[in-house]
């Protein structure tokens, strides 16, 4: 079950559940789905980061690159 706007807390809770139930998963590589239908999958290569996401422009500015905007999200890839 998924909510339209997932939070960092929800993601961490789910990942903790997965790790508790499947400790061997802690050493598996990460992949992400490009869209909600799972039409394309790719490996995760980058660390998560704080920043500003403009949904209208579909642009993300990393806090470390431009701290003039309010932090409103965590980018996970």
N, C-alpha and C. Protein backbone atom coordinates (compact mmCIF):
# COMPACT_ATOMS: atom_id res chain seq x y z
N UNK A 1 0.85 -1.17 0.00
CA UNK A 1 0.00 0.00 0.00
C UNK A 1 0.89 1.23 0.00
N UNK A 2 0.62 2.14 -0.89
CA UNK A 2 1.50 3.28 -1.08
C UNK A 2 0.70 4.58 -1.05
N UNK A 3 1.26 5.59 -0.38
CA UNK A 3 0.62 6.89 -0.39
C UNK A 3 1.24 7.73 -1.49
N UNK A 4 0.51 8.72 -2.03
CA UNK A 4 1.04 9.50 -3.13
C UNK A 4 2.29 10.30 -2.77
N UNK A 5 2.42 10.73 -1.54
CA UNK A 5 3.58 11.52 -1.13
C UNK A 5 4.30 10.80 0.00
N UNK A 6 5.20 9.93 -0.36
CA UNK A 6 5.96 9.15 0.61
C UNK A 6 6.91 10.07 1.37
N UNK A 7 7.05 9.82 2.67
CA UNK A 7 7.98 10.61 3.49
C UNK A 7 9.22 9.79 3.81
N UNK A 8 10.26 10.48 4.24
CA UNK A 8 11.48 9.82 4.65
C UNK A 8 11.19 8.87 5.81
N UNK A 9 10.35 9.29 6.74
CA UNK A 9 9.98 8.44 7.89
C UNK A 9 9.34 7.13 7.41
N UNK A 10 8.42 7.23 6.45
CA UNK A 10 7.76 6.02 5.94
C UNK A 10 8.76 5.10 5.26
N UNK A 11 9.66 5.68 4.47
CA UNK A 11 10.66 4.88 3.78
C UNK A 11 11.58 4.18 4.78
N UNK A 12 12.06 4.91 5.77
CA UNK A 12 12.96 4.32 6.77
C UNK A 12 12.24 3.22 7.54
N UNK A 13 10.99 3.45 7.92
CA UNK A 13 10.24 2.41 8.63
C UNK A 13 10.10 1.15 7.80
N UNK A 14 9.80 1.31 6.52
CA UNK A 14 9.66 0.15 5.64
C UNK A 14 10.99 -0.57 5.46
N UNK A 15 12.06 0.20 5.27
CA UNK A 15 13.38 -0.41 5.12
C UNK A 15 13.81 -1.15 6.39
N UNK A 16 13.48 -0.58 7.55
CA UNK A 16 13.78 -1.26 8.81
C UNK A 16 13.01 -2.57 8.92
N UNK A 17 11.75 -2.57 8.50
CA UNK A 17 10.95 -3.81 8.51
C UNK A 17 11.58 -4.86 7.60
N UNK A 18 11.98 -4.44 6.41
CA UNK A 18 12.62 -5.37 5.47
C UNK A 18 13.89 -5.94 6.08
N UNK A 19 14.71 -5.09 6.70
CA UNK A 19 15.98 -5.53 7.29
C UNK A 19 15.75 -6.49 8.45
N UNK A 20 14.74 -6.22 9.28
CA UNK A 20 14.46 -7.12 10.41
C UNK A 20 13.98 -8.48 9.94
N UNK A 21 13.12 -8.49 8.92
CA UNK A 21 12.56 -9.74 8.42
C UNK A 21 13.52 -10.49 7.50
N UNK A 22 14.43 -9.77 6.87
CA UNK A 22 15.36 -10.35 5.89
C UNK A 22 16.74 -9.73 6.05
N UNK A 23 17.46 -10.05 7.12
CA UNK A 23 18.75 -9.40 7.36
C UNK A 23 19.75 -9.57 6.21
N UNK A 24 19.62 -10.62 5.44
CA UNK A 24 20.52 -10.82 4.30
C UNK A 24 20.33 -9.74 3.24
N UNK A 25 19.20 -9.07 3.25
CA UNK A 25 18.91 -8.01 2.27
C UNK A 25 19.79 -6.78 2.47
N UNK A 26 20.38 -6.64 3.65
CA UNK A 26 21.21 -5.47 3.94
C UNK A 26 22.40 -5.34 2.99
N UNK A 27 22.83 -6.44 2.40
CA UNK A 27 23.98 -6.41 1.52
C UNK A 27 23.61 -6.50 0.04
N UNK A 28 22.33 -6.42 -0.27
CA UNK A 28 21.89 -6.47 -1.66
C UNK A 28 21.99 -5.08 -2.31
N UNK A 29 22.23 -5.04 -3.62
CA UNK A 29 22.25 -3.74 -4.30
C UNK A 29 20.84 -3.15 -4.37
N UNK A 30 20.78 -1.83 -4.50
CA UNK A 30 19.51 -1.13 -4.60
C UNK A 30 19.18 -0.86 -6.07
N UNK A 31 17.89 -0.97 -6.40
CA UNK A 31 17.40 -0.57 -7.71
C UNK A 31 16.19 0.34 -7.50
N UNK A 32 15.90 1.14 -8.50
CA UNK A 32 14.71 1.99 -8.43
C UNK A 32 13.91 1.82 -9.71
N UNK A 33 12.61 2.09 -9.60
CA UNK A 33 11.73 2.05 -10.75
C UNK A 33 11.61 3.45 -11.31
N UNK A 34 11.68 3.57 -12.60
CA UNK A 34 11.61 4.88 -13.24
C UNK A 34 10.21 5.47 -13.22
N UNK A 35 9.17 4.64 -13.25
CA UNK A 35 7.81 5.14 -13.19
C UNK A 35 6.95 4.24 -12.32
N UNK A 36 5.72 4.66 -12.06
CA UNK A 36 4.87 3.93 -11.13
C UNK A 36 4.40 2.59 -11.65
N UNK A 37 4.56 2.33 -12.94
CA UNK A 37 4.17 1.04 -13.50
C UNK A 37 5.35 0.06 -13.56
N UNK A 38 6.52 0.52 -13.17
CA UNK A 38 7.69 -0.35 -13.16
C UNK A 38 8.16 -0.73 -14.55
N UNK A 39 8.07 0.18 -15.50
CA UNK A 39 8.48 -0.11 -16.87
C UNK A 39 9.98 -0.08 -17.07
N UNK A 40 10.71 0.46 -16.14
CA UNK A 40 12.15 0.56 -16.29
C UNK A 40 12.79 0.54 -14.90
N UNK A 41 13.82 -0.25 -14.75
CA UNK A 41 14.53 -0.36 -13.47
C UNK A 41 16.00 -0.06 -13.68
N UNK A 42 16.60 0.61 -12.69
CA UNK A 42 18.02 0.95 -12.75
C UNK A 42 18.62 0.84 -11.36
N UNK A 43 19.92 0.65 -11.30
CA UNK A 43 20.61 0.60 -10.00
C UNK A 43 20.72 1.99 -9.40
N UNK A 44 20.77 2.04 -8.09
CA UNK A 44 20.98 3.30 -7.36
C UNK A 44 22.48 3.50 -7.21
N UNK A 45 22.99 4.63 -7.66
CA UNK A 45 24.42 4.93 -7.59
C UNK A 45 24.75 6.09 -6.69
N UNK A 46 23.77 6.95 -6.40
CA UNK A 46 24.05 8.18 -5.69
C UNK A 46 23.50 8.17 -4.27
N UNK A 47 24.13 8.94 -3.40
CA UNK A 47 23.64 9.10 -2.03
C UNK A 47 22.41 10.00 -2.02
N UNK A 48 21.58 9.81 -1.03
CA UNK A 48 20.41 10.67 -0.84
C UNK A 48 20.89 12.07 -0.47
N UNK A 49 20.07 13.07 -0.80
CA UNK A 49 20.44 14.44 -0.47
C UNK A 49 19.23 15.32 -0.24
N UNK A 50 19.43 16.36 0.56
CA UNK A 50 18.37 17.34 0.83
C UNK A 50 18.37 18.41 -0.24
N UNK A 51 17.17 18.94 -0.53
CA UNK A 51 17.11 20.01 -1.50
C UNK A 51 15.71 20.53 -1.70
N UNK A 52 15.55 21.24 -2.80
CA UNK A 52 14.26 21.83 -3.15
C UNK A 52 13.77 21.22 -4.45
N UNK A 53 12.53 20.74 -4.44
CA UNK A 53 11.92 20.17 -5.64
C UNK A 53 10.80 21.07 -6.10
N UNK A 54 10.88 21.53 -7.34
CA UNK A 54 9.83 22.33 -7.96
C UNK A 54 9.02 21.38 -8.83
N UNK A 55 7.84 21.01 -8.35
CA UNK A 55 7.03 20.02 -9.06
C UNK A 55 6.57 20.53 -10.43
N UNK A 56 6.30 21.81 -10.54
CA UNK A 56 5.86 22.36 -11.83
C UNK A 56 6.96 22.27 -12.88
N UNK A 57 8.17 22.61 -12.51
CA UNK A 57 9.30 22.56 -13.44
C UNK A 57 9.96 21.18 -13.49
N UNK A 58 9.61 20.34 -12.52
CA UNK A 58 10.26 19.02 -12.35
C UNK A 58 11.77 19.18 -12.24
N UNK A 59 12.16 20.14 -11.38
CA UNK A 59 13.58 20.40 -11.15
C UNK A 59 13.91 20.19 -9.68
N UNK A 60 15.09 19.65 -9.44
CA UNK A 60 15.60 19.46 -8.09
C UNK A 60 16.90 20.24 -7.95
N UNK A 61 16.99 21.05 -6.90
CA UNK A 61 18.23 21.76 -6.58
C UNK A 61 18.76 21.23 -5.26
N UNK A 62 19.95 20.68 -5.30
CA UNK A 62 20.58 20.15 -4.11
C UNK A 62 20.92 21.30 -3.16
N UNK A 63 20.66 21.10 -1.87
CA UNK A 63 20.93 22.13 -0.86
C UNK A 63 22.39 22.58 -0.91
N UNK A 64 23.30 21.66 -1.17
CA UNK A 64 24.72 22.00 -1.20
C UNK A 64 25.09 22.83 -2.43
N UNK A 65 24.31 22.72 -3.49
CA UNK A 65 24.56 23.50 -4.70
C UNK A 65 23.90 24.87 -4.64
N UNK A 66 22.72 24.94 -4.01
CA UNK A 66 21.98 26.20 -3.94
C UNK A 66 21.14 26.19 -2.68
N UNK A 67 21.61 26.90 -1.65
CA UNK A 67 20.88 26.92 -0.39
C UNK A 67 19.97 28.14 -0.25
N UNK A 68 19.66 28.80 -1.38
CA UNK A 68 18.78 29.98 -1.33
C UNK A 68 17.31 29.59 -1.27
N UNK A 69 17.00 28.34 -1.59
CA UNK A 69 15.60 27.89 -1.58
C UNK A 69 15.34 27.01 -0.37
N UNK A 70 14.08 27.00 0.06
CA UNK A 70 13.67 26.18 1.21
C UNK A 70 13.82 24.69 0.88
N UNK A 71 14.39 23.94 1.80
CA UNK A 71 14.48 22.49 1.64
C UNK A 71 13.08 21.92 1.82
N UNK A 72 12.62 21.18 0.81
CA UNK A 72 11.27 20.62 0.88
C UNK A 72 11.21 19.14 0.53
N UNK A 73 12.41 18.51 0.36
CA UNK A 73 12.38 17.09 0.02
C UNK A 73 13.75 16.44 0.25
N UNK A 74 13.73 15.12 0.15
CA UNK A 74 14.94 14.31 0.15
C UNK A 74 14.98 13.59 -1.20
N UNK A 75 16.03 13.80 -1.96
CA UNK A 75 16.17 13.12 -3.23
C UNK A 75 16.91 11.80 -2.96
N UNK A 76 16.33 10.69 -3.42
CA UNK A 76 16.93 9.39 -3.11
C UNK A 76 17.74 8.81 -4.27
N UNK A 77 17.75 9.45 -5.41
CA UNK A 77 18.63 9.01 -6.50
C UNK A 77 18.78 10.09 -7.53
